[in-house]
Amino acid sequence: MNATPVALVTGSTSGIGAAIARRLSTEGFAVVLHSRSSVETGRAMAAELGRAAYIQADLAVDADRVRLVREAVALWGRLDVLVNNAGISRVVPHGDLRAATPQIWQELHEVNVVAPFRLIAEAEAALGAADRGRPGCVVNVSSHAGVRPKGASIPYAASKAALNHMTRLLALSLAPRIRVNAVAPGLVDTPLTADWTAAQALWRERSPMRRAAKPQDIAQAVAMLVASDYVTGEILLLDGGLNLT
């Protein structure tokens, strides 16, 4: 077997996912990058990182989920870490119940809950291989909206709450061969959140750390969970202490 550990990071051509992929690359992992549409960016990033490859897949499509895992494992003959970072959101006022249509509920649940579960199911055999000397590792990227009554919409927050509970359930059912944890970021500085002025002000004024997270902060926490062979079933809240206020 190839001696270099391998990590698959979904949604890894920008933002938090790109920071996680870069961090794991510096930690000595061969990295499998993924996105739904930014193919050229993914290929360029793979070339930049060196021991890396890019695979395009639409995680709303189950055949693509299966193909993504199979192609990822085939690249180097192993898979040690799966980071389920890819997710989608929709902005719907919490009080506008009719605007949260069944279509929005189904769309968010399919990508934010069903897709991570299916990727873990497909990757289970590779992640649980007994000849590595340490457990395989899954890290799900959730949200503080799955822990507290916050978030862009109720369907989004509920999908992240489901992901958190799924994390705990899988930590029990896959132990001790595979560890399953999640990180739950609050506001993270990315191009997507650059114009979220109210949220930016909230984190500057009320969070103990007086700022939003940087993608590198989330990547550091993911790397810590990857390195910690005794930690499983944890939902690590990364909100700069805002939940304390």
C-alpha atoms as a PDB file:
ATOM      1  CA  MET A   1       0.000   0.000   0.000  1.00  0.00           C
ATOM      2  CA  ASN A   2       1.068   3.575  -0.670  1.00  0.00           C
ATOM      3  CA  ALA A   3       2.648   4.940   2.536  1.00  0.00           C
ATOM      4  CA  THR A   4       1.309   8.479   2.191  1.00  0.00           C
ATOM      5  CA  PRO A   5      -2.039   9.058   3.935  1.00  0.00           C
ATOM      6  CA  VAL A   6      -4.824  10.331   1.670  1.00  0.00           C
ATOM      7  CA  ALA A   7      -7.565  12.854   2.429  1.00  0.00           C
ATOM      8  CA  LEU A   8     -10.643  13.617   0.332  1.00  0.00           C
ATOM      9  CA  VAL A   9     -12.012  17.115   0.967  1.00  0.00           C
ATOM     10  CA  THR A  10     -15.318  17.936  -0.692  1.00  0.00           C
ATOM     11  CA  GLY A  11     -16.040  21.473  -1.830  1.00  0.00           C
ATOM     12  CA  SER A  12     -12.345  22.268  -1.678  1.00  0.00           C
ATOM     13  CA  THR A  13     -11.626  24.767  -4.453  1.00  0.00           C
ATOM     14  CA  SER A  14     -12.474  27.872  -2.409  1.00  0.00           C
ATOM     15  CA  GLY A  15     -13.170  29.185   1.080  1.00  0.00           C
ATOM     16  CA  ILE A  16     -13.078  26.831   4.051  1.00  0.00           C
ATOM     17  CA  GLY A  17     -12.604  23.719   1.917  1.00  0.00           C
ATOM     18  CA  ALA A  18      -9.559  25.137   0.139  1.00  0.00           C
ATOM     19  CA  ALA A  19      -8.013  26.123   3.481  1.00  0.00           C
ATOM     20  CA  ILE A  20      -8.595  22.601   4.834  1.00  0.00           C
ATOM     21  CA  ALA A  21      -7.070  21.001   1.731  1.00  0.00           C
ATOM     22  CA  ARG A  22      -4.000  23.246   1.923  1.00  0.00           C
ATOM     23  CA  ARG A  23      -3.560  22.553   5.639  1.00  0.00           C
ATOM     24  CA  LEU A  24      -3.789  18.781   5.223  1.00  0.00           C
ATOM     25  CA  SER A  25      -1.332  18.996   2.329  1.00  0.00           C
ATOM     26  CA  THR A  26       1.186  20.721   4.611  1.00  0.00           C
ATOM     27  CA  GLU A  27       0.515  17.987   7.208  1.00  0.00           C
ATOM     28  CA  GLY A  28       1.768  15.377   4.743  1.00  0.00           C
ATOM     29  CA  PHE A  29      -1.455  14.138   3.173  1.00  0.00           C
ATOM     30  CA  ALA A  30      -2.039  13.452  -0.479  1.00  0.00           C
ATOM     31  CA  VAL A  31      -5.195  15.450  -1.095  1.00  0.00           C
ATOM     32  CA  VAL A  32      -8.156  14.728  -3.361  1.00  0.00           C
ATOM     33  CA  LEU A  33      -9.846  18.005  -4.248  1.00  0.00           C
ATOM     34  CA  HIS A  34     -13.475  18.216  -5.314  1.00  0.00           C
ATOM     35  CA  SER A  35     -16.047  20.705  -6.554  1.00  0.00           C
ATOM     36  CA  ARG A  36     -19.291  20.688  -8.482  1.00  0.00           C
ATOM     37  CA  SER A  37     -18.371  23.242 -11.140  1.00  0.00           C
ATOM     38  CA  SER A  38     -15.011  25.035 -10.716  1.00  0.00           C
ATOM     39  CA  VAL A  39     -13.035  22.456 -12.684  1.00  0.00           C
ATOM     40  CA  GLU A  40     -10.175  24.678 -13.897  1.00  0.00           C
ATOM     41  CA  THR A  41      -9.626  26.085 -10.404  1.00  0.00           C
ATOM     42  CA  GLY A  42      -9.528  22.555  -9.000  1.00  0.00           C
ATOM     43  CA  ARG A  43      -7.001  21.348 -11.540  1.00  0.00           C
ATOM     44  CA  ALA A  44      -4.794  24.404 -10.985  1.00  0.00           C
ATOM     45  CA  MET A  45      -4.915  23.933  -7.231  1.00  0.00           C
ATOM     46  CA  ALA A  46      -4.015  20.250  -7.562  1.00  0.00           C
ATOM     47  CA  ALA A  47      -1.003  21.180  -9.688  1.00  0.00           C
ATOM     48  CA  GLU A  48       0.019  23.806  -7.134  1.00  0.00           C
ATOM     49  CA  LEU A  49      -0.195  21.445  -4.148  1.00  0.00           C
ATOM     50  CA  GLY A  50       1.821  18.719  -5.865  1.00  0.00           C
ATOM     51  CA  ARG A  51       0.671  15.449  -4.323  1.00  0.00           C
ATOM     52  CA  ALA A  52      -2.963  16.174  -5.100  1.00  0.00           C
ATOM     53  CA  ALA A  53      -5.665  15.414  -7.645  1.00  0.00           C
ATOM     54  CA  TYR A  54      -9.008  16.923  -8.584  1.00  0.00           C
ATOM     55  CA  ILE A  55     -12.334  15.167  -9.213  1.00  0.00           C
ATOM     56  CA  GLN A  56     -15.524  16.889 -10.358  1.00  0.00           C
ATOM     57  CA  ALA A  57     -18.823  15.587  -8.962  1.00  0.00           C
ATOM     58  CA  ASP A  58     -22.336  16.861  -8.251  1.00  0.00           C
ATOM     59  CA  LEU A  59     -23.159  15.735  -4.719  1.00  0.00           C
ATOM     60  CA  ALA A  60     -26.894  16.121  -5.372  1.00  0.00           C
ATOM     61  CA  VAL A  61     -26.558  13.103  -7.700  1.00  0.00           C
ATOM     62  CA  ASP A  62     -26.017   9.750  -5.999  1.00  0.00           C
ATOM     63  CA  ALA A  63     -24.112   8.206  -8.914  1.00  0.00           C
ATOM     64  CA  ASP A  64     -21.627  11.082  -8.658  1.00  0.00           C
ATOM     65  CA  ARG A  65     -21.172  10.436  -4.929  1.00  0.00           C
ATOM     66  CA  VAL A  66     -20.333   6.810  -5.590  1.00  0.00           C
ATOM     67  CA  ARG A  67     -17.974   7.723  -8.435  1.00  0.00           C
ATOM     68  CA  LEU A  68     -16.207  10.394  -6.361  1.00  0.00           C
ATOM     69  CA  VAL A  69     -15.282   7.955  -3.598  1.00  0.00           C
ATOM     70  CA  ARG A  70     -14.281   5.162  -5.974  1.00  0.00           C
ATOM     71  CA  GLU A  71     -12.061   7.456  -8.055  1.00  0.00           C
ATOM     72  CA  ALA A  72     -10.546   8.989  -4.916  1.00  0.00           C
ATOM     73  CA  VAL A  73      -9.621   5.588  -3.487  1.00  0.00           C
ATOM     74  CA  ALA A  74      -8.273   4.406  -6.853  1.00  0.00           C
ATOM     75  CA  LEU A  75      -5.825   7.325  -7.102  1.00  0.00           C
ATOM     76  CA  TRP A  76      -3.446   6.107  -4.389  1.00  0.00           C
ATOM     77  CA  GLY A  77      -5.083   2.864  -3.280  1.00  0.00           C
ATOM     78  CA  ARG A  78      -6.197   4.129   0.119  1.00  0.00           C
ATOM     79  CA  LEU A  79      -8.318   6.712   1.917  1.00  0.00           C
ATOM     80  CA  ASP A  80      -7.517   7.798   5.466  1.00  0.00           C
ATOM     81  CA  VAL A  81      -9.570  10.970   5.918  1.00  0.00           C
ATOM     82  CA  LEU A  82     -12.881  12.197   4.516  1.00  0.00           C
ATOM     83  CA  VAL A  83     -13.793  15.839   5.124  1.00  0.00           C
ATOM     84  CA  ASN A  84     -17.426  16.507   4.214  1.00  0.00           C
ATOM     85  CA  ASN A  85     -17.107  20.232   3.653  1.00  0.00           C
ATOM     86  CA  ALA A  86     -19.393  20.748   0.635  1.00  0.00           C
ATOM     87  CA  GLY A  87     -22.796  22.167   1.498  1.00  0.00           C
ATOM     88  CA  ILE A  88     -25.409  24.588   0.240  1.00  0.00           C
ATOM     89  CA  SER A  89     -27.536  27.278   1.849  1.00  0.00           C
ATOM     90  CA  ARG A  90     -30.614  29.311   1.017  1.00  0.00           C
ATOM     91  CA  VAL A  91     -31.521  32.627   2.642  1.00  0.00           C
ATOM     92  CA  VAL A  92     -35.138  32.578   3.860  1.00  0.00           C
ATOM     93  CA  PRO A  93     -36.443  34.740   6.745  1.00  0.00           C
ATOM     94  CA  HIS A  94     -37.246  32.452   9.671  1.00  0.00           C
ATOM     95  CA  GLY A  95     -40.696  33.999  10.068  1.00  0.00           C
ATOM     96  CA  ASP A  96     -41.708  33.468   6.438  1.00  0.00           C
ATOM     97  CA  LEU A  97     -42.794  29.861   6.675  1.00  0.00           C
ATOM     98  CA  ARG A  98     -44.389  29.668   3.235  1.00  0.00           C
ATOM     99  CA  ALA A  99     -41.132  30.803   1.597  1.00  0.00           C
ATOM    100  CA  ALA A 100     -39.393  27.716   3.014  1.00  0.00           C
ATOM    101  CA  THR A 101     -40.877  25.488   0.329  1.00  0.00           C
ATOM    102  CA  PRO A 102     -40.685  21.692   0.201  1.00  0.00           C
ATOM    103  CA  GLN A 103     -38.267  22.086  -2.714  1.00  0.00           C
ATOM    104  CA  ILE A 104     -35.846  24.126  -0.566  1.00  0.00           C
ATOM    105  CA  TRP A 105     -36.124  21.621   2.283  1.00  0.00           C
ATOM    106  CA  GLN A 106     -35.433  18.701  -0.051  1.00  0.00           C
ATOM    107  CA  GLU A 107     -32.586  20.435  -1.883  1.00  0.00           C
ATOM    108  CA  LEU A 108     -30.726  21.373   1.304  1.00  0.00           C
ATOM    109  CA  HIS A 109     -31.329  18.009   2.985  1.00  0.00           C
ATOM    110  CA  GLU A 110     -30.090  16.102  -0.063  1.00  0.00           C
ATOM    111  CA  VAL A 111     -26.735  17.926  -0.224  1.00  0.00           C
ATOM    112  CA  ASN A 112     -26.161  18.729   3.461  1.00  0.00           C
ATOM    113  CA  VAL A 113     -27.308  15.447   5.029  1.00  0.00           C
ATOM    114  CA  VAL A 114     -27.842  12.630   2.531  1.00  0.00           C
ATOM    115  CA  ALA A 115     -24.670  13.336   0.529  1.00  0.00           C
ATOM    116  CA  PRO A 116     -22.291  13.212   3.541  1.00  0.00           C
ATOM    117  CA  PHE A 117     -23.958  10.011   4.747  1.00  0.00           C
ATOM    118  CA  ARG A 118     -23.655   8.368   1.341  1.00  0.00           C
ATOM    119  CA  LEU A 119     -20.009   9.416   0.968  1.00  0.00           C
ATOM    120  CA  ILE A 120     -19.226   7.925   4.379  1.00  0.00           C
ATOM    121  CA  ALA A 121     -21.083   4.728   3.469  1.00  0.00           C
ATOM    122  CA  GLU A 122     -19.168   4.398   0.208  1.00  0.00           C
ATOM    123  CA  ALA A 123     -15.838   5.206   1.899  1.00  0.00           C
ATOM    124  CA  GLU A 124     -16.370   2.972   4.941  1.00  0.00           C
ATOM    125  CA  ALA A 125     -14.316   0.022   3.693  1.00  0.00           C
ATOM    126  CA  ALA A 126     -11.329   2.181   2.723  1.00  0.00           C
ATOM    127  CA  LEU A 127     -11.492   4.344   5.858  1.00  0.00           C
ATOM    128  CA  GLY A 128     -11.772   1.290   8.100  1.00  0.00           C
ATOM    129  CA  ALA A 129      -8.859  -0.644   6.591  1.00  0.00           C
ATOM    130  CA  ALA A 130      -7.131  -2.459   9.440  1.00  0.00           C
ATOM    131  CA  ASP A 131      -3.543  -2.336   8.119  1.00  0.00           C
ATOM    132  CA  ARG A 132      -2.933   1.360   8.842  1.00  0.00           C
ATOM    133  CA  GLY A 133      -2.326   1.193  12.570  1.00  0.00           C
ATOM    134  CA  ARG A 134      -4.754   4.037  13.372  1.00  0.00           C
ATOM    135  CA  PRO A 135      -8.463   4.703  12.872  1.00  0.00           C
ATOM    136  CA  GLY A 136      -9.840   6.255   9.731  1.00  0.00           C
ATOM    137  CA  CYS A 137     -11.262   9.721  10.192  1.00  0.00           C
ATOM    138  CA  VAL A 138     -14.336  11.638   9.069  1.00  0.00           C
ATOM    139  CA  VAL A 139     -14.804  15.345   9.773  1.00  0.00           C
ATOM    140  CA  ASN A 140     -18.141  16.886   8.861  1.00  0.00           C
ATOM    141  CA  VAL A 141     -18.263  20.661   8.391  1.00  0.00           C
ATOM    142  CA  SER A 142     -21.459  21.762  10.055  1.00  0.00           C
ATOM    143  CA  SER A 143     -22.485  25.201  11.371  1.00  0.00           C
ATOM    144  CA  HIS A 144     -23.266  26.957  14.632  1.00  0.00           C
ATOM    145  CA  ALA A 145     -26.771  27.192  13.098  1.00  0.00           C
ATOM    146  CA  GLY A 146     -27.091  23.465  13.776  1.00  0.00           C
ATOM    147  CA  VAL A 147     -26.374  24.041  17.475  1.00  0.00           C
ATOM    148  CA  ARG A 148     -28.183  27.324  18.190  1.00  0.00           C
ATOM    149  CA  PRO A 149     -31.425  28.751  16.700  1.00  0.00           C
ATOM    150  CA  LYS A 150     -29.617  30.800  14.054  1.00  0.00           C
ATOM    151  CA  GLY A 151     -28.791  30.530  10.363  1.00  0.00           C
ATOM    152  CA  ALA A 152     -29.677  31.690   6.864  1.00  0.00           C
ATOM    153  CA  SER A 153     -32.935  29.725   6.948  1.00  0.00           C
ATOM    154  CA  ILE A 154     -34.737  27.176   9.083  1.00  0.00           C
ATOM    155  CA  PRO A 155     -34.241  24.414   6.452  1.00  0.00           C
ATOM    156  CA  TYR A 156     -30.490  25.165   6.432  1.00  0.00           C
ATOM    157  CA  ALA A 157     -30.205  25.168  10.228  1.00  0.00           C
ATOM    158  CA  ALA A 158     -32.241  21.969  10.492  1.00  0.00           C
ATOM    159  CA  SER A 159     -30.022  20.263   7.918  1.00  0.00           C
ATOM    160  CA  LYS A 160     -26.928  21.129   9.963  1.00  0.00           C
ATOM    161  CA  ALA A 161     -28.589  19.913  13.166  1.00  0.00           C
ATOM    162  CA  ALA A 162     -29.294  16.636  11.372  1.00  0.00           C
ATOM    163  CA  LEU A 163     -25.647  16.461  10.274  1.00  0.00           C
ATOM    164  CA  ASN A 164     -24.533  16.949  13.879  1.00  0.00           C
ATOM    165  CA  HIS A 165     -26.728  14.134  15.175  1.00  0.00           C
ATOM    166  CA  MET A 166     -25.673  11.898  12.296  1.00  0.00           C
ATOM    167  CA  THR A 167     -22.067  12.580  13.318  1.00  0.00           C
ATOM    168  CA  ARG A 168     -22.751  11.217  16.812  1.00  0.00           C
ATOM    169  CA  LEU A 169     -24.689   8.218  15.535  1.00  0.00           C
ATOM    170  CA  LEU A 170     -21.914   7.265  13.102  1.00  0.00           C
ATOM    171  CA  ALA A 171     -19.236   7.783  15.746  1.00  0.00           C
ATOM    172  CA  LEU A 172     -20.954   5.032  17.714  1.00  0.00           C
ATOM    173  CA  SER A 173     -21.689   2.681  14.835  1.00  0.00           C
ATOM    174  CA  LEU A 174     -18.278   2.928  13.122  1.00  0.00           C
ATOM    175  CA  ALA A 175     -16.048   2.808  16.227  1.00  0.00           C
ATOM    176  CA  PRO A 176     -13.316   1.852  16.791  1.00  0.00           C
ATOM    177  CA  ARG A 177     -12.273   1.523  13.137  1.00  0.00           C
ATOM    178  CA  ILE A 178     -13.400   5.016  12.095  1.00  0.00           C
ATOM    179  CA  ARG A 179     -13.685   8.216  14.111  1.00  0.00           C
ATOM    180  CA  VAL A 180     -16.415  10.719  13.177  1.00  0.00           C
ATOM    181  CA  ASN A 181     -16.411  14.339  14.371  1.00  0.00           C
ATOM    182  CA  ALA A 182     -17.745  17.685  13.187  1.00  0.00           C
ATOM    183  CA  VAL A 183     -16.742  21.323  13.312  1.00  0.00           C
ATOM    184  CA  ALA A 184     -19.495  23.927  13.614  1.00  0.00           C
ATOM    185  CA  PRO A 185     -18.219  27.354  12.510  1.00  0.00           C
ATOM    186  CA  GLY A 186     -19.990  30.615  13.103  1.00  0.00           C
ATOM    187  CA  LEU A 187     -19.233  33.504  10.766  1.00  0.00           C
ATOM    188  CA  VAL A 188     -16.178  32.886   8.571  1.00  0.00           C
ATOM    189  CA  ASP A 189     -14.516  35.594   6.477  1.00  0.00           C
ATOM    190  CA  THR A 190     -14.924  34.444   2.861  1.00  0.00           C
ATOM    191  CA  PRO A 191     -15.990  36.244  -0.333  1.00  0.00           C
ATOM    192  CA  LEU A 192     -19.495  34.871   0.296  1.00  0.00           C
ATOM    193  CA  THR A 193     -19.800  36.701   3.647  1.00  0.00           C
ATOM    194  CA  ALA A 194     -17.968  39.919   2.702  1.00  0.00           C
ATOM    195  CA  ASP A 195     -21.190  41.956   2.522  1.00  0.00           C
ATOM    196  CA  TRP A 196     -22.820  40.460   5.625  1.00  0.00           C
ATOM    197  CA  THR A 197     -22.333  43.729   7.499  1.00  0.00           C
ATOM    198  CA  ALA A 198     -24.703  43.000  10.391  1.00  0.00           C
ATOM    199  CA  ALA A 199     -23.068  39.652  11.119  1.00  0.00           C
ATOM    200  CA  GLN A 200     -19.581  41.139  10.820  1.00  0.00           C
ATOM    201  CA  ALA A 201     -20.544  43.846  13.335  1.00  0.00           C
ATOM    202  CA  LEU A 202     -22.031  41.243  15.696  1.00  0.00           C
ATOM    203  CA  TRP A 203     -18.806  39.218  15.779  1.00  0.00           C
ATOM    204  CA  ARG A 204     -16.627  42.330  16.207  1.00  0.00           C
ATOM    205  CA  GLU A 205     -18.717  43.708  19.049  1.00  0.00           C
ATOM    206  CA  ARG A 206     -20.044  40.693  20.953  1.00  0.00           C
ATOM    207  CA  SER A 207     -17.799  37.680  20.432  1.00  0.00           C
ATOM    208  CA  PRO A 208     -14.998  37.363  22.987  1.00  0.00           C
ATOM    209  CA  MET A 209     -12.450  37.043  20.163  1.00  0.00           C
ATOM    210  CA  ARG A 210     -13.795  40.256  18.565  1.00  0.00           C
ATOM    211  CA  ARG A 211     -13.700  38.936  15.007  1.00  0.00           C
ATOM    212  CA  ALA A 212     -15.113  36.401  12.609  1.00  0.00           C
ATOM    213  CA  ALA A 213     -13.109  33.252  11.896  1.00  0.00           C
ATOM    214  CA  LYS A 214     -10.670  33.016   9.021  1.00  0.00           C
ATOM    215  CA  PRO A 215     -10.822  29.887   6.844  1.00  0.00           C
ATOM    216  CA  GLN A 216      -7.417  28.963   8.287  1.00  0.00           C
ATOM    217  CA  ASP A 217      -8.935  28.893  11.799  1.00  0.00           C
ATOM    218  CA  ILE A 218     -11.401  26.245  10.689  1.00  0.00           C
ATOM    219  CA  ALA A 219      -8.675  24.318   8.852  1.00  0.00           C
ATOM    220  CA  GLN A 220      -6.553  24.284  12.012  1.00  0.00           C
ATOM    221  CA  ALA A 221      -9.425  22.776  14.002  1.00  0.00           C
ATOM    222  CA  VAL A 222     -10.031  20.140  11.331  1.00  0.00           C
ATOM    223  CA  ALA A 223      -6.333  19.243  11.327  1.00  0.00           C
ATOM    224  CA  MET A 224      -6.463  18.914  15.118  1.00  0.00           C
ATOM    225  CA  LEU A 225      -9.382  16.488  14.913  1.00  0.00           C
ATOM    226  CA  VAL A 226      -7.620  14.514  12.170  1.00  0.00           C
ATOM    227  CA  ALA A 227      -4.528  14.200  14.370  1.00  0.00           C
ATOM    228  CA  SER A 228      -6.420  13.250  17.560  1.00  0.00           C
ATOM    229  CA  ASP A 229      -6.888   9.486  17.466  1.00  0.00           C
ATOM    230  CA  TYR A 230      -8.925   9.348  20.695  1.00  0.00           C
ATOM    231  CA  VAL A 231     -11.554  11.981  19.834  1.00  0.00           C
ATOM    232  CA  THR A 232     -14.843  10.854  18.301  1.00  0.00           C
ATOM    233  CA  GLY A 233     -18.463  11.971  18.333  1.00  0.00           C
ATOM    234  CA  GLU A 234     -17.622  15.605  19.076  1.00  0.00           C
ATOM    235  CA  ILE A 235     -19.236  18.711  17.565  1.00  0.00           C
ATOM    236  CA  LEU A 236     -16.567  21.416  17.897  1.00  0.00           C
ATOM    237  CA  LEU A 237     -18.236  24.840  18.012  1.00  0.00           C
ATOM    238  CA  LEU A 238     -15.983  27.445  16.365  1.00  0.00           C
ATOM    239  CA  ASP A 239     -17.678  30.801  16.923  1.00  0.00           C
ATOM    240  CA  GLY A 240     -15.012  32.803  18.765  1.00  0.00           C
ATOM    241  CA  GLY A 241     -17.022  32.372  21.963  1.00  0.00           C
ATOM    242  CA  LEU A 242     -20.129  34.162  20.661  1.00  0.00           C
ATOM    243  CA  ASN A 243     -22.302  31.421  22.201  1.00  0.00           C
ATOM    244  CA  LEU A 244     -21.146  32.588  25.651  1.00  0.00           C
ATOM    245  CA  THR A 245     -22.767  35.988  25.291  1.00  0.00           C
END
